[in-house]
Structure formats: structure tokens, C-alpha cells
Amino acid sequence: MPTTIGKRLARNARLQREIEDGFSRLAHISSSTHATVFQGEVLTEYSGWIAAGLLYHEFGALLGSEYVARGTTITDTGVAAFDQMFTAARPSVTTVVREFAGGALVYRGFSALHDARLSAWQMRLYGGLNLGMTSQGAALFDLAGITVEADSAIAID
């Protein structure tokens, strides 16, 4: 394995064990399967980090200790809910929509006019992430994130 990964990853023994364990658990499915087990909570936490980064990139707002970023993944149903929220909030927010690298990264978000640190974001990577099957079949997922006051009951799970 060390010959197929970068030197930095080669020094991360814990991550190597996690990757090897994930591949070994999938080995019984098929030798041609190109997948690994991953931890969904890491992806949702990552979505929150992206939201905080986009907030700073687009609006110059940094989250202090009194604010938090929360993330999740959404399907078409979540995108439709975001559409409604985006439209309803438009009079009291500043909005942004961006596309990069021919659609490899597309995001939209808004920040409240009265407090730029209150924001919501939808991010699509490579046309949507294929995270497996749902009860309706294969589904593509987007990332979503919000930045809110730390004591807020608002969640996006």
C-alpha cells in the first residue's frame, strides 16, 4: 500500500488501518468493486466546514465561538426544500450562485442582511455524490450547510 499512496498518507498509520479495514469488508462483494466503507458523520461535518469556508469566501464573515456550522447531505427532496427556502428568504438576505470547472463544483447560498454569519448553502460536487441506494433506488446527493448561533435549535439533519 505505501507505494500506491503519497508519503504523507504513508505516515498516517491510523488512516491506513481504516482504509484497509474498509476495503477488506468489501472484498466479499466482488473483486471488481471500487468502493470503500466511509463514515457518514465525517461527510456531514465536512459539509459544515465547507459552509463556514464559503461564508468567509463570499461574504468575509468569520464564525466566532458564538456561532456554529452544521452540515448534512440532501437528495432531490432536500433540494426542493432549499429552493423554497432560497426563494422565501430572498428579500432579507444577500445571495450568491457560483459554478466552477464546468460544473464540477456548483454552489448557492445566502447570508442574512442583519447578521452575515447566519447563512445557508447547497453544494453540488461532480453532478451529485453517489452514496449508494435509497428505498427508491440509486440517488445522487448534494451537500448542505448552515451557519447559526451556537445556542440555536435550528438543525438540518
Foldseek 3Di string as FASTA:
>chain_A
DVVVDDPVVVPVVVVVVQQVVQVVVCVVVDPPDDDGDDDQVVVFVVLQVVVQVVLCVPPVDHDDPQKGKTKHKDFPVVVVVVVVVCVVCVVFWDKDWDAPDNRQKTKIKIAGPVGRQWMKMKIAGHNFCFPAADPVGTTGIIMMMTMDGPPDPDHDD
